[in-house]
Amino acid sequence: MSKKDFHVTRRPDGDWQAKREKADRASFVRHTQTDAHDAAIPAAKRDRVEIVTHRPTGPIRDSDSYGNDPNPPKDTKH
């Protein structure tokens, strides 16, 4: 099975979506970026993938790994 991370991006209508890589439709659509990210967490944990959060303009802002990361980050944000 190939890894299909979630990407949290802004939609043209202003809402935020959590969408799997190469998917046609969003898995979750919420009014805020935080809500879209939080909605994707249970699925990311279940499938052991990452959630990649983008800025409203598109560049990656952050990523959170919910799988078996062989090199876990040493940050203290979580």
PDB file of N, CA and C in Angstrom:
ATOM      1  N   MET A   1       0.839  -1.175   0.000  1.00  0.00           N
ATOM      2  CA  MET A   1       0.000   0.000   0.000  1.00  0.00           C
ATOM      3  C   MET A   1       0.888   1.244   0.000  1.00  0.00           C
ATOM      4  N   SER A   2       0.572   2.167  -0.861  1.00  0.00           N
ATOM      5  CA  SER A   2       1.371   3.394  -0.892  1.00  0.00           C
ATOM      6  C   SER A   2       0.874   4.368   0.163  1.00  0.00           C
ATOM      7  N   LYS A   3       1.763   5.172   0.631  1.00  0.00           N
ATOM      8  CA  LYS A   3       1.451   6.153   1.671  1.00  0.00           C
ATOM      9  C   LYS A   3       0.673   7.310   1.060  1.00  0.00           C
ATOM     10  N   LYS A   4      -0.480   7.616   1.610  1.00  0.00           N
ATOM     11  CA  LYS A   4      -1.293   8.717   1.110  1.00  0.00           C
ATOM     12  C   LYS A   4      -1.593   9.668   2.261  1.00  0.00           C
ATOM     13  N   ASP A   5      -0.719  10.641   2.426  1.00  0.00           N
ATOM     14  CA  ASP A   5      -0.856  11.616   3.500  1.00  0.00           C
ATOM     15  C   ASP A   5      -2.067  12.510   3.270  1.00  0.00           C
ATOM     16  N   PHE A   6      -2.488  13.162   4.342  1.00  0.00           N
ATOM     17  CA  PHE A   6      -3.529  14.174   4.256  1.00  0.00           C
ATOM     18  C   PHE A   6      -2.867  15.536   4.064  1.00  0.00           C
ATOM     19  N   HIS A   7      -3.453  16.375   3.244  1.00  0.00           N
ATOM     20  CA  HIS A   7      -3.002  17.751   3.066  1.00  0.00           C
ATOM     21  C   HIS A   7      -4.146  18.665   3.451  1.00  0.00           C
ATOM     22  N   VAL A   8      -3.884  19.575   4.374  1.00  0.00           N
ATOM     23  CA  VAL A   8      -4.884  20.553   4.805  1.00  0.00           C
ATOM     24  C   VAL A   8      -4.637  21.828   4.017  1.00  0.00           C
ATOM     25  N   THR A   9      -5.593  22.177   3.153  1.00  0.00           N
ATOM     26  CA  THR A   9      -5.453  23.332   2.270  1.00  0.00           C
ATOM     27  C   THR A   9      -6.729  24.159   2.267  1.00  0.00           C
ATOM     28  N   ARG A  10      -6.588  25.399   1.831  1.00  0.00           N
ATOM     29  CA  ARG A  10      -7.737  26.295   1.742  1.00  0.00           C
ATOM     30  C   ARG A  10      -8.458  26.062   0.426  1.00  0.00           C
ATOM     31  N   ARG A  11      -9.780  26.057   0.490  1.00  0.00           N
ATOM     32  CA  ARG A  11     -10.604  25.893  -0.706  1.00  0.00           C
ATOM     33  C   ARG A  11     -10.938  27.260  -1.296  1.00  0.00           C
ATOM     34  N   PRO A  12     -11.334  27.309  -2.560  1.00  0.00           N
ATOM     35  CA  PRO A  12     -11.700  28.593  -3.175  1.00  0.00           C
ATOM     36  C   PRO A  12     -12.856  29.309  -2.461  1.00  0.00           C
ATOM     37  N   ASP A  13     -13.729  28.539  -1.794  1.00  0.00           N
ATOM     38  CA  ASP A  13     -14.856  29.161  -1.091  1.00  0.00           C
ATOM     39  C   ASP A  13     -14.471  29.692   0.293  1.00  0.00           C
ATOM     40  N   GLY A  14     -13.202  29.512   0.699  1.00  0.00           N
ATOM     41  CA  GLY A  14     -12.726  30.031   1.982  1.00  0.00           C
ATOM     42  C   GLY A  14     -12.674  29.005   3.086  1.00  0.00           C
ATOM     43  N   ASP A  15     -13.356  27.868   2.917  1.00  0.00           N
ATOM     44  CA  ASP A  15     -13.285  26.806   3.911  1.00  0.00           C
ATOM     45  C   ASP A  15     -11.949  26.069   3.779  1.00  0.00           C
ATOM     46  N   TRP A  16     -11.695  25.169   4.719  1.00  0.00           N
ATOM     47  CA  TRP A  16     -10.467  24.374   4.714  1.00  0.00           C
ATOM     48  C   TRP A  16     -10.813  22.911   4.522  1.00  0.00           C
ATOM     49  N   GLN A  17      -9.943  22.196   3.820  1.00  0.00           N
ATOM     50  CA  GLN A  17     -10.174  20.788   3.556  1.00  0.00           C
ATOM     51  C   GLN A  17      -8.970  19.945   3.951  1.00  0.00           C
ATOM     52  N   ALA A  18      -9.252  18.716   4.366  1.00  0.00           N
ATOM     53  CA  ALA A  18      -8.215  17.707   4.573  1.00  0.00           C
ATOM     54  C   ALA A  18      -8.441  16.692   3.468  1.00  0.00           C
ATOM     55  N   LYS A  19      -7.459  16.580   2.595  1.00  0.00           N
ATOM     56  CA  LYS A  19      -7.615  15.769   1.390  1.00  0.00           C
ATOM     57  C   LYS A  19      -6.422  14.832   1.256  1.00  0.00           C
ATOM     58  N   ARG A  20      -6.682  13.580   0.933  1.00  0.00           N
ATOM     59  CA  ARG A  20      -5.606  12.620   0.714  1.00  0.00           C
ATOM     60  C   ARG A  20      -4.874  12.951  -0.577  1.00  0.00           C
ATOM     61  N   GLU A  21      -3.590  12.596  -0.624  1.00  0.00           N
ATOM     62  CA  GLU A  21      -2.814  12.792  -1.839  1.00  0.00           C
ATOM     63  C   GLU A  21      -3.482  12.071  -3.000  1.00  0.00           C
ATOM     64  N   LYS A  22      -3.569  12.742  -4.117  1.00  0.00           N
ATOM     65  CA  LYS A  22      -4.119  12.222  -5.374  1.00  0.00           C
ATOM     66  C   LYS A  22      -5.609  11.927  -5.312  1.00  0.00           C
ATOM     67  N   ALA A  23      -6.310  12.374  -4.281  1.00  0.00           N
ATOM     68  CA  ALA A  23      -7.756  12.167  -4.194  1.00  0.00           C
ATOM     69  C   ALA A  23      -8.479  13.256  -4.984  1.00  0.00           C
ATOM     70  N   ASP A  24      -9.635  12.905  -5.507  1.00  0.00           N
ATOM     71  CA  ASP A  24     -10.444  13.877  -6.237  1.00  0.00           C
ATOM     72  C   ASP A  24     -11.279  14.737  -5.297  1.00  0.00           C
ATOM     73  N   ARG A  25     -11.722  14.137  -4.193  1.00  0.00           N
ATOM     74  CA  ARG A  25     -12.583  14.852  -3.252  1.00  0.00           C
ATOM     75  C   ARG A  25     -11.930  14.931  -1.883  1.00  0.00           C
ATOM     76  N   ALA A  26     -12.308  15.945  -1.136  1.00  0.00           N
ATOM     77  CA  ALA A  26     -11.797  16.112   0.220  1.00  0.00           C
ATOM     78  C   ALA A  26     -12.432  15.092   1.158  1.00  0.00           C
ATOM     79  N   SER A  27     -11.648  14.621   2.111  1.00  0.00           N
ATOM     80  CA  SER A  27     -12.176  13.722   3.137  1.00  0.00           C
ATOM     81  C   SER A  27     -12.939  14.493   4.193  1.00  0.00           C
ATOM     82  N   PHE A  28     -12.459  15.701   4.514  1.00  0.00           N
ATOM     83  CA  PHE A  28     -13.082  16.536   5.538  1.00  0.00           C
ATOM     84  C   PHE A  28     -13.075  17.980   5.068  1.00  0.00           C
ATOM     85  N   VAL A  29     -14.173  18.687   5.280  1.00  0.00           N
ATOM     86  CA  VAL A  29     -14.255  20.118   4.980  1.00  0.00           C
ATOM     87  C   VAL A  29     -14.764  20.809   6.235  1.00  0.00           C
ATOM     88  N   ARG A  30     -14.020  21.815   6.685  1.00  0.00           N
ATOM     89  CA  ARG A  30     -14.395  22.552   7.890  1.00  0.00           C
ATOM     90  C   ARG A  30     -14.193  24.042   7.650  1.00  0.00           C
ATOM     91  N   HIS A  31     -14.735  24.867   8.548  1.00  0.00           N
ATOM     92  CA  HIS A  31     -14.634  26.324   8.403  1.00  0.00           C
ATOM     93  C   HIS A  31     -13.255  26.855   8.752  1.00  0.00           C
ATOM     94  N   THR A  32     -12.512  26.157   9.628  1.00  0.00           N
ATOM     95  CA  THR A  32     -11.196  26.648  10.037  1.00  0.00           C
ATOM     96  C   THR A  32     -10.121  25.604   9.743  1.00  0.00           C
ATOM     97  N   GLN A  33      -8.897  26.083   9.642  1.00  0.00           N
ATOM     98  CA  GLN A  33      -7.758  25.210   9.401  1.00  0.00           C
ATOM     99  C   GLN A  33      -7.586  24.220  10.555  1.00  0.00           C
ATOM    100  N   THR A  34      -7.717  24.700  11.766  1.00  0.00           N
ATOM    101  CA  THR A  34      -7.566  23.844  12.942  1.00  0.00           C
ATOM    102  C   THR A  34      -8.607  22.738  12.956  1.00  0.00           C
ATOM    103  N   ASP A  35      -9.853  23.071  12.633  1.00  0.00           N
ATOM    104  CA  ASP A  35     -10.908  22.063  12.617  1.00  0.00           C
ATOM    105  C   ASP A  35     -10.667  21.005  11.543  1.00  0.00           C
ATOM    106  N   ALA A  36     -10.182  21.416  10.376  1.00  0.00           N
ATOM    107  CA  ALA A  36      -9.889  20.457   9.309  1.00  0.00           C
ATOM    108  C   ALA A  36      -8.746  19.534   9.722  1.00  0.00           C
ATOM    109  N   HIS A  37      -7.718  20.102  10.339  1.00  0.00           N
ATOM    110  CA  HIS A  37      -6.584  19.291  10.823  1.00  0.00           C
ATOM    111  C   HIS A  37      -7.062  18.307  11.881  1.00  0.00           C
ATOM    112  N   ASP A  38      -7.821  18.793  12.854  1.00  0.00           N
ATOM    113  CA  ASP A  38      -8.290  17.932  13.937  1.00  0.00           C
ATOM    114  C   ASP A  38      -9.203  16.819  13.433  1.00  0.00           C
ATOM    115  N   ALA A  39      -9.994  17.093  12.400  1.00  0.00           N
ATOM    116  CA  ALA A  39     -10.888  16.077  11.839  1.00  0.00           C
ATOM    117  C   ALA A  39     -10.099  14.947  11.185  1.00  0.00           C
ATOM    118  N   ALA A  40      -8.929  15.250  10.658  1.00  0.00           N
ATOM    119  CA  ALA A  40      -8.117  14.243   9.966  1.00  0.00           C
ATOM    120  C   ALA A  40      -7.267  13.394  10.912  1.00  0.00           C
ATOM    121  N   ILE A  41      -7.095  13.804  12.143  1.00  0.00           N
ATOM    122  CA  ILE A  41      -6.212  13.089  13.073  1.00  0.00           C
ATOM    123  C   ILE A  41      -6.606  11.629  13.280  1.00  0.00           C
ATOM    124  N   PRO A  42      -7.872  11.298  13.581  1.00  0.00           N
ATOM    125  CA  PRO A  42      -8.181   9.865  13.790  1.00  0.00           C
ATOM    126  C   PRO A  42      -7.859   8.992  12.572  1.00  0.00           C
ATOM    127  N   ALA A  43      -8.150   9.481  11.371  1.00  0.00           N
ATOM    128  CA  ALA A  43      -7.854   8.706  10.159  1.00  0.00           C
ATOM    129  C   ALA A  43      -6.350   8.595   9.947  1.00  0.00           C
ATOM    130  N   ALA A  44      -5.606   9.663  10.235  1.00  0.00           N
ATOM    131  CA  ALA A  44      -4.152   9.635  10.082  1.00  0.00           C
ATOM    132  C   ALA A  44      -3.528   8.654  11.076  1.00  0.00           C
ATOM    133  N   LYS A  45      -4.040   8.610  12.285  1.00  0.00           N
ATOM    134  CA  LYS A  45      -3.539   7.651  13.271  1.00  0.00           C
ATOM    135  C   LYS A  45      -3.852   6.224  12.846  1.00  0.00           C
ATOM    136  N   ARG A  46      -5.066   6.015  12.368  1.00  0.00           N
ATOM    137  CA  ARG A  46      -5.478   4.680  11.943  1.00  0.00           C
ATOM    138  C   ARG A  46      -4.617   4.172  10.776  1.00  0.00           C
ATOM    139  N   ASP A  47      -4.358   5.061   9.805  1.00  0.00           N
ATOM    140  CA  ASP A  47      -3.622   4.669   8.606  1.00  0.00           C
ATOM    141  C   ASP A  47      -2.122   4.917   8.713  1.00  0.00           C
ATOM    142  N   ARG A  48      -1.703   5.506   9.829  1.00  0.00           N
ATOM    143  CA  ARG A  48      -0.285   5.762  10.117  1.00  0.00           C
ATOM    144  C   ARG A  48       0.374   6.598   9.023  1.00  0.00           C
ATOM    145  N   VAL A  49      -0.229   7.760   8.766  1.00  0.00           N
ATOM    146  CA  VAL A  49       0.278   8.684   7.744  1.00  0.00           C
ATOM    147  C   VAL A  49       0.503  10.061   8.362  1.00  0.00           C
ATOM    148  N   GLU A  50       0.931  11.011   7.551  1.00  0.00           N
ATOM    149  CA  GLU A  50       1.177  12.370   8.017  1.00  0.00           C
ATOM    150  C   GLU A  50       0.029  13.294   7.642  1.00  0.00           C
ATOM    151  N   ILE A  51      -0.080  14.375   8.396  1.00  0.00           N
ATOM    152  CA  ILE A  51      -0.963  15.480   8.033  1.00  0.00           C
ATOM    153  C   ILE A  51      -0.054  16.658   7.723  1.00  0.00           C
ATOM    154  N   VAL A  52      -0.125  17.135   6.482  1.00  0.00           N
ATOM    155  CA  VAL A  52       0.691  18.249   6.022  1.00  0.00           C
ATOM    156  C   VAL A  52      -0.215  19.470   5.946  1.00  0.00           C
ATOM    157  N   THR A  53       0.089  20.489   6.728  1.00  0.00           N
ATOM    158  CA  THR A  53      -0.727  21.698   6.784  1.00  0.00           C
ATOM    159  C   THR A  53      -0.086  22.788   5.936  1.00  0.00           C
ATOM    160  N   HIS A  54      -0.895  23.381   5.063  1.00  0.00           N
ATOM    161  CA  HIS A  54      -0.416  24.423   4.161  1.00  0.00           C
ATOM    162  C   HIS A  54      -0.895  25.799   4.618  1.00  0.00           C
ATOM    163  N   ARG A  55      -0.158  26.813   4.254  1.00  0.00           N
ATOM    164  CA  ARG A  55      -0.581  28.206   4.491  1.00  0.00           C
ATOM    165  C   ARG A  55      -1.703  28.543   3.519  1.00  0.00           C
ATOM    166  N   PRO A  56      -2.474  29.606   3.785  1.00  0.00           N
ATOM    167  CA  PRO A  56      -3.551  29.976   2.855  1.00  0.00           C
ATOM    168  C   PRO A  56      -3.059  30.225   1.430  1.00  0.00           C
ATOM    169  N   THR A  57      -1.810  30.640   1.285  1.00  0.00           N
ATOM    170  CA  THR A  57      -1.259  30.914  -0.041  1.00  0.00           C
ATOM    171  C   THR A  57      -0.656  29.676  -0.702  1.00  0.00           C
ATOM    172  N   GLY A  58      -0.565  28.546   0.002  1.00  0.00           N
ATOM    173  CA  GLY A  58      -0.112  27.300  -0.596  1.00  0.00           C
ATOM    174  C   GLY A  58       1.114  26.625  -0.028  1.00  0.00           C
ATOM    175  N   PRO A  59       2.170  27.361   0.374  1.00  0.00           N
ATOM    176  CA  PRO A  59       3.371  26.672   0.876  1.00  0.00           C
ATOM    177  C   PRO A  59       3.091  25.866   2.150  1.00  0.00           C
ATOM    178  N   ILE A  60       3.888  24.831   2.361  1.00  0.00           N
ATOM    179  CA  ILE A  60       3.738  23.994   3.551  1.00  0.00           C
ATOM    180  C   ILE A  60       4.113  24.798   4.792  1.00  0.00           C
ATOM    181  N   ARG A  61       3.257  24.723   5.792  1.00  0.00           N
ATOM    182  CA  ARG A  61       3.500  25.405   7.056  1.00  0.00           C
ATOM    183  C   ARG A  61       4.015  24.449   8.122  1.00  0.00           C
ATOM    184  N   ASP A  62       3.469  23.218   8.129  1.00  0.00           N
ATOM    185  CA  ASP A  62       3.801  22.277   9.196  1.00  0.00           C
ATOM    186  C   ASP A  62       3.406  20.871   8.757  1.00  0.00           C
ATOM    187  N   SER A  63       3.981  19.871   9.404  1.00  0.00           N
ATOM    188  CA  SER A  63       3.535  18.497   9.179  1.00  0.00           C
ATOM    189  C   SER A  63       3.625  17.736  10.488  1.00  0.00           C
ATOM    190  N   ASP A  64       2.677  16.833  10.663  1.00  0.00           N
ATOM    191  CA  ASP A  64       2.620  15.998  11.856  1.00  0.00           C
ATOM    192  C   ASP A  64       2.551  14.541  11.427  1.00  0.00           C
ATOM    193  N   SER A  65       3.439  13.714  11.950  1.00  0.00           N
ATOM    194  CA  SER A  65       3.484  12.311  11.603  1.00  0.00           C
ATOM    195  C   SER A  65       2.708  11.500  12.632  1.00  0.00           C
ATOM    196  N   TYR A  66       1.843  10.630  12.146  1.00  0.00           N
ATOM    197  CA  TYR A  66       1.074   9.746  13.021  1.00  0.00           C
ATOM    198  C   TYR A  66       1.394   8.283  12.742  1.00  0.00           C
ATOM    199  N   GLY A  67       2.529   8.034  12.111  1.00  0.00           N
ATOM    200  CA  GLY A  67       2.945   6.674  11.818  1.00  0.00           C
ATOM    201  C   GLY A  67       4.174   6.307  12.600  1.00  0.00           C
ATOM    202  N   ASN A  68       4.827   5.251  12.173  1.00  0.00           N
ATOM    203  CA  ASN A  68       6.084   4.834  12.796  1.00  0.00           C
ATOM    204  C   ASN A  68       7.205   5.589  12.121  1.00  0.00           C
ATOM    205  N   ASP A  69       7.572   6.703  12.668  1.00  0.00           N
ATOM    206  CA  ASP A  69       8.620   7.538  12.103  1.00  0.00           C
ATOM    207  C   ASP A  69       9.976   7.039  12.606  1.00  0.00           C
ATOM    208  N   PRO A  70      10.866   6.582  11.709  1.00  0.00           N
ATOM    209  CA  PRO A  70      12.156   6.075  12.161  1.00  0.00           C
ATOM    210  C   PRO A  70      13.060   7.170  12.735  1.00  0.00           C
ATOM    211  N   ASN A  71      12.791   8.412  12.384  1.00  0.00           N
ATOM    212  CA  ASN A  71      13.558   9.547  12.906  1.00  0.00           C
ATOM    213  C   ASN A  71      12.591  10.568  13.495  1.00  0.00           C
ATOM    214  N   PRO A  72      12.041  10.294  14.662  1.00  0.00           N
ATOM    215  CA  PRO A  72      11.050  11.211  15.216  1.00  0.00           C
ATOM    216  C   PRO A  72      11.645  12.591  15.497  1.00  0.00           C
ATOM    217  N   PRO A  73      10.827  13.629  15.347  1.00  0.00           N
ATOM    218  CA  PRO A  73      11.333  14.975  15.600  1.00  0.00           C
ATOM    219  C   PRO A  73      11.658  15.177  17.081  1.00  0.00           C
ATOM    220  N   LYS A  74      12.539  16.097  17.313  1.00  0.00           N
ATOM    221  CA  LYS A  74      12.940  16.377  18.687  1.00  0.00           C
ATOM    222  C   LYS A  74      12.311  17.669  19.194  1.00  0.00           C
ATOM    223  N   ASP A  75      11.261  18.120  18.507  1.00  0.00           N
ATOM    224  CA  ASP A  75      10.587  19.331  18.940  1.00  0.00           C
ATOM    225  C   ASP A  75       9.690  19.037  20.135  1.00  0.00           C
ATOM    226  N   THR A  76       9.222  20.082  20.760  1.00  0.00           N
ATOM    227  CA  THR A  76       8.386  19.917  21.951  1.00  0.00           C
ATOM    228  C   THR A  76       7.019  20.528  21.770  1.00  0.00           C
ATOM    229  N   LYS A  77       6.563  20.702  20.513  1.00  0.00           N
ATOM    230  CA  LYS A  77       5.284  21.346  20.284  1.00  0.00           C
ATOM    231  C   LYS A  77       4.099  20.451  20.635  1.00  0.00           C
ATOM    232  N   HIS A  78       4.313  19.109  20.692  1.00  0.00           N
ATOM    233  CA  HIS A  78       3.202  18.211  20.996  1.00  0.00           C
ATOM    234  C   HIS A  78       3.490  17.454  22.251  1.00  0.00           C
TER     235      HIS A  78
END
